[in-house]
C-alpha cells in the first residue's frame, strides 16, 4: 500500500487526511473512497479540471500525464509544475503528499 497524505483543505478535509492506497488507483477514486468529496464534474472522464490537485511529494512516481490531460490542465486554476488531474493520476509505489487547491473553475458547483 502507498501512503497518500492529503493536506488540509478548508472545505473538503479541514484536518487533512492520511490514507493507504493500493497502487493502480487514481487519486480521485482514493479521495472519494475516504469521504474527501473532491469535485469531478465530468465524472472522471478527463473533460474538465475540477479534480485538479498539486502533488507536493512523490510526483514522479505517478503515471505520466497524456496529451489530453496536459491540455485540460492548461485551463486549471492555480496551475503548478506538479499539477495533475486526480482522475487521471494513478498511484504508484512512492508515498505522496497532495494538495487540493482552494478553487476550481467549475461554473456550476452544487455545494455553493
N, C-alpha and C. Protein backbone atom coordinates (compact mmCIF):
# COMPACT_ATOMS: atom_id res chain seq x y z
N UNK A 1 0.85 -1.19 0.00
CA UNK A 1 0.00 0.00 0.00
C UNK A 1 0.89 1.25 0.00
N UNK A 2 0.39 2.26 -0.65
CA UNK A 2 1.07 3.54 -0.73
C UNK A 2 0.36 4.52 0.20
N UNK A 3 1.13 5.27 0.96
CA UNK A 3 0.54 6.27 1.84
C UNK A 3 0.35 7.58 1.07
N UNK A 4 -0.87 8.10 1.12
CA UNK A 4 -1.18 9.38 0.49
C UNK A 4 -1.63 10.33 1.59
N UNK A 5 -0.93 11.44 1.69
CA UNK A 5 -1.27 12.48 2.65
C UNK A 5 -1.97 13.60 1.91
N UNK A 6 -3.22 13.83 2.25
CA UNK A 6 -3.95 14.98 1.71
C UNK A 6 -3.78 16.11 2.70
N UNK A 7 -3.21 17.20 2.23
CA UNK A 7 -3.01 18.37 3.08
C UNK A 7 -4.36 18.99 3.43
N UNK A 8 -4.45 19.72 4.54
CA UNK A 8 -5.72 20.32 4.93
C UNK A 8 -6.31 21.22 3.83
N UNK A 9 -7.61 21.08 3.63
CA UNK A 9 -8.38 21.92 2.71
C UNK A 9 -9.59 22.37 3.50
N UNK A 10 -9.81 23.67 3.59
CA UNK A 10 -10.85 24.22 4.46
C UNK A 10 -12.21 23.56 4.27
N UNK A 11 -12.57 23.24 3.05
CA UNK A 11 -13.91 22.69 2.79
C UNK A 11 -13.96 21.17 2.72
N UNK A 12 -12.94 20.55 2.11
CA UNK A 12 -13.03 19.12 1.83
C UNK A 12 -12.45 18.22 2.91
N UNK A 13 -11.38 18.66 3.55
CA UNK A 13 -10.80 17.88 4.65
C UNK A 13 -10.00 18.84 5.53
N UNK A 14 -10.71 19.56 6.40
CA UNK A 14 -10.08 20.61 7.21
C UNK A 14 -8.88 20.15 8.04
N UNK A 15 -8.87 18.92 8.46
CA UNK A 15 -7.78 18.40 9.28
C UNK A 15 -6.70 17.74 8.44
N UNK A 16 -6.93 17.62 7.13
CA UNK A 16 -6.05 16.81 6.31
C UNK A 16 -6.37 15.35 6.54
N UNK A 17 -5.74 14.48 5.79
CA UNK A 17 -6.02 13.05 5.97
C UNK A 17 -4.85 12.23 5.43
N UNK A 18 -4.56 11.15 6.11
CA UNK A 18 -3.55 10.19 5.66
C UNK A 18 -4.29 8.90 5.36
N UNK A 19 -4.11 8.40 4.12
CA UNK A 19 -4.79 7.17 3.73
C UNK A 19 -3.80 6.21 3.08
N UNK A 20 -4.13 4.95 3.10
CA UNK A 20 -3.37 3.93 2.39
C UNK A 20 -4.13 3.60 1.11
N UNK A 21 -3.39 3.59 0.01
CA UNK A 21 -4.00 3.39 -1.31
C UNK A 21 -3.23 2.29 -2.05
N UNK A 22 -3.95 1.40 -2.67
CA UNK A 22 -3.31 0.37 -3.48
C UNK A 22 -2.78 0.98 -4.77
N UNK A 23 -1.57 0.64 -5.16
CA UNK A 23 -1.08 1.12 -6.45
C UNK A 23 -2.06 0.74 -7.56
N UNK A 24 -2.22 1.65 -8.52
CA UNK A 24 -3.15 1.41 -9.62
C UNK A 24 -4.47 2.16 -9.47
N UNK A 25 -4.71 2.75 -8.31
CA UNK A 25 -5.94 3.51 -8.05
C UNK A 25 -5.66 4.97 -8.34
N UNK A 26 -6.63 5.69 -8.90
CA UNK A 26 -6.43 7.11 -9.14
C UNK A 26 -6.56 7.89 -7.84
N UNK A 27 -5.93 9.05 -7.81
CA UNK A 27 -6.04 9.91 -6.62
C UNK A 27 -7.48 10.31 -6.36
N UNK A 28 -8.25 10.55 -7.41
CA UNK A 28 -9.65 10.93 -7.25
C UNK A 28 -10.44 9.80 -6.59
N UNK A 29 -10.30 8.60 -7.10
CA UNK A 29 -11.02 7.46 -6.52
C UNK A 29 -10.60 7.20 -5.08
N UNK A 30 -9.31 7.36 -4.79
CA UNK A 30 -8.82 7.16 -3.43
C UNK A 30 -9.43 8.19 -2.48
N UNK A 31 -9.47 9.46 -2.91
CA UNK A 31 -10.05 10.52 -2.08
C UNK A 31 -11.53 10.26 -1.84
N UNK A 32 -12.26 9.99 -2.90
CA UNK A 32 -13.71 9.76 -2.78
C UNK A 32 -14.03 8.57 -1.87
N UNK A 33 -13.22 7.52 -1.96
CA UNK A 33 -13.44 6.33 -1.13
C UNK A 33 -13.28 6.62 0.36
N UNK A 34 -12.53 7.67 0.68
CA UNK A 34 -12.30 8.02 2.09
C UNK A 34 -13.15 9.21 2.54
N UNK A 35 -14.11 9.61 1.72
CA UNK A 35 -15.02 10.69 2.10
C UNK A 35 -14.53 12.09 1.79
N UNK A 36 -13.44 12.21 1.06
CA UNK A 36 -12.97 13.53 0.61
C UNK A 36 -13.70 13.81 -0.70
N UNK A 37 -14.69 14.66 -0.64
CA UNK A 37 -15.58 14.89 -1.78
C UNK A 37 -14.98 15.85 -2.82
N UNK A 38 -13.87 15.42 -3.40
CA UNK A 38 -13.21 16.22 -4.42
C UNK A 38 -14.15 16.34 -5.63
N UNK A 39 -14.22 17.55 -6.19
CA UNK A 39 -15.10 17.74 -7.35
C UNK A 39 -14.61 16.91 -8.52
N UNK A 40 -15.53 16.45 -9.32
CA UNK A 40 -15.24 15.70 -10.54
C UNK A 40 -16.43 15.84 -11.48
N UNK A 41 -16.62 17.09 -11.94
CA UNK A 41 -17.81 17.45 -12.70
C UNK A 41 -17.99 16.64 -13.97
N UNK A 42 -16.91 16.16 -14.57
CA UNK A 42 -17.03 15.39 -15.81
C UNK A 42 -17.11 13.89 -15.55
N UNK A 43 -17.32 13.54 -14.29
CA UNK A 43 -17.41 12.12 -13.88
C UNK A 43 -16.14 11.35 -14.23
N UNK A 44 -14.99 12.01 -14.04
CA UNK A 44 -13.67 11.38 -14.17
C UNK A 44 -13.33 10.98 -15.61
N UNK A 45 -13.80 11.77 -16.58
CA UNK A 45 -13.54 11.44 -17.98
C UNK A 45 -12.47 12.33 -18.62
N UNK A 46 -11.76 13.11 -17.82
CA UNK A 46 -10.70 14.00 -18.31
C UNK A 46 -11.26 15.06 -19.25
N UNK A 47 -12.42 15.60 -18.88
CA UNK A 47 -13.06 16.62 -19.71
C UNK A 47 -13.24 17.94 -18.98
N UNK A 48 -12.68 18.07 -17.78
CA UNK A 48 -12.75 19.32 -17.03
C UNK A 48 -11.51 19.40 -16.13
N UNK A 49 -11.47 20.38 -15.26
CA UNK A 49 -10.32 20.50 -14.36
C UNK A 49 -10.74 20.57 -12.90
N UNK A 50 -11.97 20.19 -12.59
CA UNK A 50 -12.46 20.36 -11.23
C UNK A 50 -11.77 19.45 -10.21
N UNK A 51 -11.11 18.39 -10.66
CA UNK A 51 -10.40 17.49 -9.74
C UNK A 51 -8.91 17.79 -9.69
N UNK A 52 -8.51 18.96 -10.15
CA UNK A 52 -7.11 19.37 -10.16
C UNK A 52 -6.50 19.29 -8.76
N UNK A 53 -5.33 18.68 -8.67
CA UNK A 53 -4.56 18.63 -7.43
C UNK A 53 -3.11 18.99 -7.72
N UNK A 54 -2.38 19.32 -6.66
CA UNK A 54 -0.95 19.58 -6.78
C UNK A 54 -0.24 18.53 -5.93
N UNK A 55 0.64 17.79 -6.56
CA UNK A 55 1.34 16.71 -5.88
C UNK A 55 2.65 17.29 -5.34
N UNK A 56 2.67 17.56 -4.04
CA UNK A 56 3.81 18.22 -3.39
C UNK A 56 4.99 17.28 -3.19
N UNK A 57 4.74 15.99 -3.02
CA UNK A 57 5.81 15.00 -2.89
C UNK A 57 5.39 13.73 -3.60
N UNK A 58 6.34 13.10 -4.30
CA UNK A 58 6.07 11.84 -4.98
C UNK A 58 5.57 11.97 -6.40
N UNK A 59 5.61 13.17 -6.96
CA UNK A 59 5.06 13.43 -8.29
C UNK A 59 5.59 12.46 -9.35
N UNK A 60 6.89 12.18 -9.32
CA UNK A 60 7.49 11.35 -10.37
C UNK A 60 7.08 9.88 -10.30
N UNK A 61 6.44 9.47 -9.20
CA UNK A 61 6.01 8.07 -9.09
C UNK A 61 4.67 7.82 -9.78
N UNK A 62 3.96 8.90 -10.13
CA UNK A 62 2.67 8.76 -10.80
C UNK A 62 2.87 8.38 -12.27
N UNK A 63 1.82 7.82 -12.87
CA UNK A 63 1.87 7.59 -14.30
C UNK A 63 2.06 8.93 -15.02
N UNK A 64 2.57 8.90 -16.21
CA UNK A 64 2.81 10.13 -16.96
C UNK A 64 1.50 10.68 -17.51
N UNK A 65 1.34 12.00 -17.45
CA UNK A 65 0.14 12.64 -17.99
C UNK A 65 0.16 12.53 -19.52
N UNK A 66 -1.00 12.23 -20.10
CA UNK A 66 -1.06 12.19 -21.56
C UNK A 66 -1.40 13.58 -22.11
N UNK A 67 -1.43 13.69 -23.42
CA UNK A 67 -1.64 14.99 -24.07
C UNK A 67 -3.00 15.60 -23.72
N UNK A 68 -4.04 14.79 -23.64
CA UNK A 68 -5.36 15.31 -23.29
C UNK A 68 -5.36 15.92 -21.89
N UNK A 69 -4.76 15.21 -20.94
CA UNK A 69 -4.68 15.75 -19.58
C UNK A 69 -3.88 17.04 -19.55
N UNK A 70 -2.76 17.07 -20.25
CA UNK A 70 -1.93 18.28 -20.29
C UNK A 70 -2.72 19.45 -20.86
N UNK A 71 -3.50 19.20 -21.91
CA UNK A 71 -4.33 20.26 -22.50
C UNK A 71 -5.38 20.77 -21.52
N UNK A 72 -6.00 19.86 -20.77
CA UNK A 72 -7.00 20.26 -19.79
C UNK A 72 -6.36 21.03 -18.64
N UNK A 73 -5.20 20.60 -18.21
CA UNK A 73 -4.52 21.26 -17.10
C UNK A 73 -4.21 22.72 -17.40
N UNK A 74 -3.99 23.04 -18.66
CA UNK A 74 -3.73 24.43 -19.05
C UNK A 74 -4.86 25.36 -18.63
N UNK A 75 -6.05 24.81 -18.39
CA UNK A 75 -7.23 25.60 -18.02
C UNK A 75 -7.47 25.64 -16.51
N UNK A 76 -6.66 24.93 -15.75
CA UNK A 76 -6.89 24.80 -14.31
C UNK A 76 -6.49 26.07 -13.56
N UNK A 77 -7.25 26.36 -12.49
CA UNK A 77 -6.91 27.48 -11.62
C UNK A 77 -5.70 27.10 -10.79
N UNK A 78 -4.71 28.00 -10.69
CA UNK A 78 -3.56 27.77 -9.83
C UNK A 78 -2.61 26.70 -10.33
N UNK A 79 -2.49 26.56 -11.63
CA UNK A 79 -1.64 25.53 -12.23
C UNK A 79 -0.19 25.66 -11.75
N UNK A 80 0.42 24.54 -11.40
CA UNK A 80 1.82 24.48 -10.99
C UNK A 80 2.49 23.34 -11.74
N UNK A 81 3.83 23.30 -11.77
CA UNK A 81 4.51 22.22 -12.50
C UNK A 81 4.13 20.82 -12.00
N UNK A 82 3.74 20.70 -10.75
CA UNK A 82 3.37 19.39 -10.18
C UNK A 82 1.85 19.18 -10.16
N UNK A 83 1.12 19.90 -11.00
CA UNK A 83 -0.33 19.74 -11.08
C UNK A 83 -0.70 18.50 -11.87
N UNK A 84 -1.78 17.87 -11.43
CA UNK A 84 -2.36 16.73 -12.15
C UNK A 84 -3.87 16.78 -11.99
N UNK A 85 -4.57 16.13 -12.89
CA UNK A 85 -5.99 15.87 -12.70
C UNK A 85 -6.06 14.60 -11.88
N UNK A 86 -6.70 14.66 -10.74
CA UNK A 86 -6.69 13.49 -9.84
C UNK A 86 -7.40 12.29 -10.45
N UNK A 87 -8.29 12.53 -11.41
CA UNK A 87 -8.98 11.41 -12.06
C UNK A 87 -8.07 10.66 -13.03
N UNK A 88 -6.94 11.25 -13.37
CA UNK A 88 -6.01 10.63 -14.31
C UNK A 88 -4.70 10.20 -13.65
N UNK A 89 -4.42 10.70 -12.46
CA UNK A 89 -3.16 10.42 -11.75
C UNK A 89 -3.28 9.09 -11.02
N UNK A 90 -2.55 8.10 -11.50
CA UNK A 90 -2.60 6.75 -10.93
C UNK A 90 -1.47 6.59 -9.91
N UNK A 91 -1.84 6.17 -8.71
CA UNK A 91 -0.89 5.98 -7.62
C UNK A 91 0.08 4.86 -7.96
N UNK A 92 1.36 5.11 -7.67
CA UNK A 92 2.40 4.10 -7.86
C UNK A 92 2.87 3.56 -6.53
N UNK A 93 4.19 3.37 -6.41
CA UNK A 93 4.77 2.77 -5.20
C UNK A 93 5.25 3.77 -4.17
N UNK A 94 5.47 5.03 -4.57
CA UNK A 94 6.03 6.02 -3.65
C UNK A 94 4.92 6.76 -2.91
N UNK A 95 5.19 7.08 -1.64
CA UNK A 95 4.24 7.86 -0.86
C UNK A 95 4.06 9.24 -1.49
N UNK A 96 2.88 9.82 -1.27
CA UNK A 96 2.53 11.09 -1.90
C UNK A 96 2.04 12.10 -0.87
N UNK A 97 2.27 13.36 -1.16
CA UNK A 97 1.67 14.46 -0.43
C UNK A 97 0.91 15.28 -1.46
N UNK A 98 -0.40 15.43 -1.23
CA UNK A 98 -1.29 16.03 -2.23
C UNK A 98 -2.02 17.23 -1.64
N UNK A 99 -2.04 18.30 -2.40
CA UNK A 99 -2.80 19.50 -2.03
C UNK A 99 -3.98 19.64 -2.97
N UNK A 100 -5.16 19.85 -2.41
CA UNK A 100 -6.35 20.16 -3.20
C UNK A 100 -6.49 21.67 -3.21
N UNK A 101 -6.38 22.31 -4.38
CA UNK A 101 -6.46 23.77 -4.41
C UNK A 101 -7.78 24.28 -3.83
N UNK A 102 -7.73 25.50 -3.36
CA UNK A 102 -8.90 26.12 -2.74
C UNK A 102 -10.02 26.37 -3.75
N UNK A 103 -9.65 26.64 -4.99
CA UNK A 103 -10.64 26.99 -6.01
C UNK A 103 -10.57 26.07 -7.21
N UNK A 104 -11.68 25.96 -7.92
CA UNK A 104 -11.71 25.31 -9.24
C UNK A 104 -12.36 26.30 -10.21
N UNK A 105 -12.36 25.95 -11.47
CA UNK A 105 -13.02 26.81 -12.44
C UNK A 105 -14.45 26.34 -12.73
N UNK A 106 -14.99 25.50 -11.85
CA UNK A 106 -16.33 24.99 -12.02
C UNK A 106 -17.35 26.14 -11.92
N UNK A 107 -18.04 26.40 -13.01
CA UNK A 107 -19.02 27.48 -13.05
C UNK A 107 -20.29 27.14 -12.27
N UNK A 108 -20.61 25.86 -12.19
CA UNK A 108 -21.84 25.42 -11.54
C UNK A 108 -21.49 24.37 -10.50
N UNK A 109 -21.25 24.79 -9.28
CA UNK A 109 -20.93 23.86 -8.21
C UNK A 109 -22.15 23.70 -7.32
N UNK A 110 -22.55 22.47 -7.12
CA UNK A 110 -23.75 22.19 -6.34
C UNK A 110 -23.57 22.49 -4.86
N UNK A 111 -22.34 22.61 -4.40
CA UNK A 111 -22.09 22.85 -2.99
C UNK A 111 -21.99 24.31 -2.62
N UNK A 112 -22.23 25.22 -3.56
CA UNK A 112 -22.03 26.64 -3.27
C UNK A 112 -23.30 27.42 -3.54
